[in-house]
Amino acid sequence: TSTHEVIDINSASAPDGTIEWHINPTTRPMEAAAGRTEPLRVTISAPGRTPIVRDVTLVRGEELDLGSFPIA
């Protein structure tokens, strides 16, 4: 079976426009042991801007830079 979860996080950016978000690994240990991964879909949006959507899978200790958010 599968479960669809939505977590809505609203966050203010730092003065330079960056946002830092710390999460646990996206794949549970039993899934990883079975050779499976569980991606997250990350959507970054702001009023008047086109949302950025990325599917990501992270392992323990990994850092991911989603890049810059377009101004227009």
N, C-alpha and C. Protein backbone atom coordinates (compact mmCIF):
# COMPACT_ATOMS: atom_id res chain seq x y z
N THR A 1 0.84 -1.18 0.00
CA THR A 1 0.00 0.00 0.00
C THR A 1 0.88 1.24 0.00
N SER A 2 0.32 2.35 -0.38
CA SER A 2 1.06 3.61 -0.37
C SER A 2 0.20 4.69 0.28
N THR A 3 0.87 5.70 0.74
CA THR A 3 0.21 6.82 1.39
C THR A 3 0.70 8.10 0.74
N HIS A 4 -0.21 8.95 0.35
CA HIS A 4 0.14 10.24 -0.22
C HIS A 4 0.11 11.27 0.90
N GLU A 5 1.24 11.93 1.14
CA GLU A 5 1.32 12.95 2.18
C GLU A 5 1.65 14.29 1.55
N VAL A 6 1.09 15.34 2.10
CA VAL A 6 1.42 16.70 1.68
C VAL A 6 1.82 17.45 2.94
N ILE A 7 3.01 18.03 2.90
CA ILE A 7 3.49 18.86 4.00
C ILE A 7 3.69 20.26 3.44
N ASP A 8 2.96 21.20 3.96
CA ASP A 8 3.01 22.58 3.47
C ASP A 8 3.81 23.41 4.46
N ILE A 9 4.97 23.87 4.04
CA ILE A 9 5.83 24.68 4.91
C ILE A 9 5.97 26.07 4.31
N ASN A 10 5.63 27.06 5.11
CA ASN A 10 5.82 28.44 4.69
C ASN A 10 7.03 28.97 5.43
N SER A 11 7.97 29.54 4.69
CA SER A 11 9.22 29.97 5.30
C SER A 11 9.66 31.30 4.71
N ALA A 12 10.16 32.16 5.55
CA ALA A 12 10.75 33.42 5.07
C ALA A 12 12.20 33.15 4.69
N SER A 13 12.65 33.86 3.68
CA SER A 13 14.04 33.69 3.25
C SER A 13 14.96 34.60 4.06
N ALA A 14 16.25 34.27 4.02
CA ALA A 14 17.27 35.13 4.62
C ALA A 14 17.38 36.41 3.78
N PRO A 15 18.04 37.44 4.30
CA PRO A 15 18.17 38.69 3.54
C PRO A 15 18.75 38.50 2.14
N ASP A 16 19.59 37.48 1.95
CA ASP A 16 20.16 37.24 0.62
C ASP A 16 19.27 36.38 -0.26
N GLY A 17 18.08 36.01 0.25
CA GLY A 17 17.12 35.24 -0.53
C GLY A 17 17.24 33.74 -0.39
N THR A 18 18.18 33.24 0.42
CA THR A 18 18.34 31.80 0.56
C THR A 18 17.39 31.23 1.61
N ILE A 19 17.07 29.97 1.43
CA ILE A 19 16.27 29.22 2.40
C ILE A 19 17.01 27.92 2.67
N GLU A 20 17.15 27.58 3.94
CA GLU A 20 17.81 26.33 4.31
C GLU A 20 16.78 25.47 5.02
N TRP A 21 16.67 24.22 4.58
CA TRP A 21 15.68 23.31 5.15
C TRP A 21 16.37 22.00 5.45
N HIS A 22 16.30 21.56 6.69
CA HIS A 22 16.92 20.31 7.13
C HIS A 22 15.84 19.25 7.24
N ILE A 23 16.05 18.11 6.56
CA ILE A 23 15.09 17.01 6.61
C ILE A 23 15.83 15.70 6.87
N ASN A 24 15.08 14.70 7.24
CA ASN A 24 15.64 13.36 7.39
C ASN A 24 15.80 12.74 6.01
N PRO A 25 16.57 11.65 5.90
CA PRO A 25 16.65 10.97 4.60
C PRO A 25 15.25 10.63 4.09
N THR A 26 15.07 10.68 2.77
CA THR A 26 13.74 10.47 2.21
C THR A 26 13.36 9.01 2.10
N THR A 27 14.32 8.12 2.15
CA THR A 27 14.01 6.69 2.03
C THR A 27 14.17 6.02 3.38
N ARG A 28 13.13 5.35 3.82
CA ARG A 28 13.17 4.64 5.10
C ARG A 28 14.18 3.49 5.03
N PRO A 29 14.80 3.13 6.15
CA PRO A 29 15.83 2.09 6.14
C PRO A 29 15.38 0.77 5.52
N MET A 30 14.15 0.33 5.79
CA MET A 30 13.69 -0.95 5.22
C MET A 30 13.54 -0.86 3.70
N GLU A 31 13.11 0.29 3.20
CA GLU A 31 13.00 0.48 1.76
C GLU A 31 14.39 0.51 1.12
N ALA A 32 15.32 1.20 1.76
CA ALA A 32 16.69 1.26 1.24
C ALA A 32 17.32 -0.13 1.20
N ALA A 33 17.10 -0.93 2.25
CA ALA A 33 17.65 -2.29 2.30
C ALA A 33 17.10 -3.15 1.17
N ALA A 34 15.88 -2.86 0.74
CA ALA A 34 15.26 -3.60 -0.35
C ALA A 34 15.63 -3.02 -1.72
N GLY A 35 16.49 -1.98 -1.72
CA GLY A 35 16.92 -1.39 -2.98
C GLY A 35 15.94 -0.40 -3.58
N ARG A 36 14.99 0.05 -2.79
CA ARG A 36 13.99 1.01 -3.28
C ARG A 36 14.28 2.40 -2.74
N THR A 37 13.79 3.41 -3.46
CA THR A 37 13.91 4.80 -3.01
C THR A 37 12.52 5.42 -2.92
N GLU A 38 12.42 6.48 -2.16
CA GLU A 38 11.17 7.21 -2.00
C GLU A 38 11.45 8.69 -2.22
N PRO A 39 11.10 9.21 -3.39
CA PRO A 39 11.39 10.62 -3.65
C PRO A 39 10.40 11.57 -2.98
N LEU A 40 10.83 12.79 -2.80
CA LEU A 40 9.97 13.89 -2.37
C LEU A 40 9.75 14.79 -3.57
N ARG A 41 8.59 15.38 -3.67
CA ARG A 41 8.35 16.42 -4.67
C ARG A 41 8.37 17.74 -3.92
N VAL A 42 9.34 18.58 -4.26
CA VAL A 42 9.51 19.88 -3.61
C VAL A 42 9.00 20.95 -4.57
N THR A 43 8.09 21.78 -4.09
CA THR A 43 7.58 22.90 -4.89
C THR A 43 7.91 24.19 -4.15
N ILE A 44 8.61 25.08 -4.83
CA ILE A 44 8.95 26.38 -4.26
C ILE A 44 8.17 27.43 -5.04
N SER A 45 7.39 28.22 -4.31
CA SER A 45 6.56 29.21 -4.99
C SER A 45 6.55 30.52 -4.22
N ALA A 46 6.26 31.58 -4.94
CA ALA A 46 6.12 32.91 -4.35
C ALA A 46 5.12 33.67 -5.22
N PRO A 47 4.40 34.62 -4.63
CA PRO A 47 3.41 35.38 -5.40
C PRO A 47 4.03 36.01 -6.65
N GLY A 48 3.36 35.85 -7.78
CA GLY A 48 3.80 36.47 -9.02
C GLY A 48 4.96 35.76 -9.71
N ARG A 49 5.35 34.59 -9.22
CA ARG A 49 6.48 33.86 -9.82
C ARG A 49 6.03 32.47 -10.23
N THR A 50 6.68 31.93 -11.24
CA THR A 50 6.40 30.57 -11.68
C THR A 50 7.00 29.60 -10.67
N PRO A 51 6.22 28.65 -10.14
CA PRO A 51 6.77 27.70 -9.16
C PRO A 51 7.89 26.85 -9.75
N ILE A 52 8.82 26.47 -8.89
CA ILE A 52 9.88 25.52 -9.23
C ILE A 52 9.47 24.20 -8.61
N VAL A 53 9.47 23.12 -9.40
CA VAL A 53 9.10 21.80 -8.90
C VAL A 53 10.26 20.85 -9.16
N ARG A 54 10.71 20.15 -8.12
CA ARG A 54 11.81 19.19 -8.25
C ARG A 54 11.43 17.92 -7.50
N ASP A 55 11.71 16.78 -8.11
CA ASP A 55 11.59 15.49 -7.42
C ASP A 55 12.99 15.14 -6.92
N VAL A 56 13.13 14.92 -5.62
CA VAL A 56 14.44 14.66 -5.02
C VAL A 56 14.40 13.42 -4.15
N THR A 57 15.52 12.73 -4.09
CA THR A 57 15.72 11.61 -3.19
C THR A 57 17.04 11.86 -2.47
N LEU A 58 17.01 11.86 -1.15
CA LEU A 58 18.20 12.17 -0.36
C LEU A 58 18.61 10.99 0.49
N VAL A 59 19.91 10.85 0.68
CA VAL A 59 20.44 9.86 1.62
C VAL A 59 21.06 10.59 2.79
N ARG A 60 21.28 9.89 3.88
CA ARG A 60 21.81 10.51 5.10
C ARG A 60 23.09 11.29 4.79
N GLY A 61 23.14 12.53 5.24
CA GLY A 61 24.33 13.37 5.09
C GLY A 61 24.43 14.10 3.76
N GLU A 62 23.53 13.82 2.84
CA GLU A 62 23.59 14.46 1.52
C GLU A 62 23.05 15.88 1.59
N GLU A 63 23.67 16.77 0.84
CA GLU A 63 23.19 18.14 0.70
C GLU A 63 22.76 18.34 -0.74
N LEU A 64 21.71 19.09 -0.95
CA LEU A 64 21.20 19.32 -2.28
C LEU A 64 20.92 20.80 -2.47
N ASP A 65 21.45 21.36 -3.53
CA ASP A 65 21.21 22.76 -3.88
C ASP A 65 20.21 22.77 -5.02
N LEU A 66 19.03 23.31 -4.79
CA LEU A 66 18.01 23.35 -5.83
C LEU A 66 18.20 24.51 -6.80
N GLY A 67 19.24 25.30 -6.60
CA GLY A 67 19.51 26.40 -7.53
C GLY A 67 18.81 27.68 -7.14
N SER A 68 18.89 28.61 -8.03
CA SER A 68 18.32 29.95 -7.79
C SER A 68 16.87 30.01 -8.21
N PHE A 69 16.12 30.82 -7.52
CA PHE A 69 14.73 31.07 -7.85
C PHE A 69 14.68 32.25 -8.82
N PRO A 70 14.09 32.10 -10.01
CA PRO A 70 14.08 33.20 -10.97
C PRO A 70 13.36 34.42 -10.42
N ILE A 71 13.88 35.59 -10.75
CA ILE A 71 13.27 36.85 -10.30
C ILE A 71 11.94 37.09 -11.00
N ALA A 72 11.86 36.80 -12.28
CA ALA A 72 10.62 37.08 -13.05
C ALA A 72 9.84 35.82 -13.34
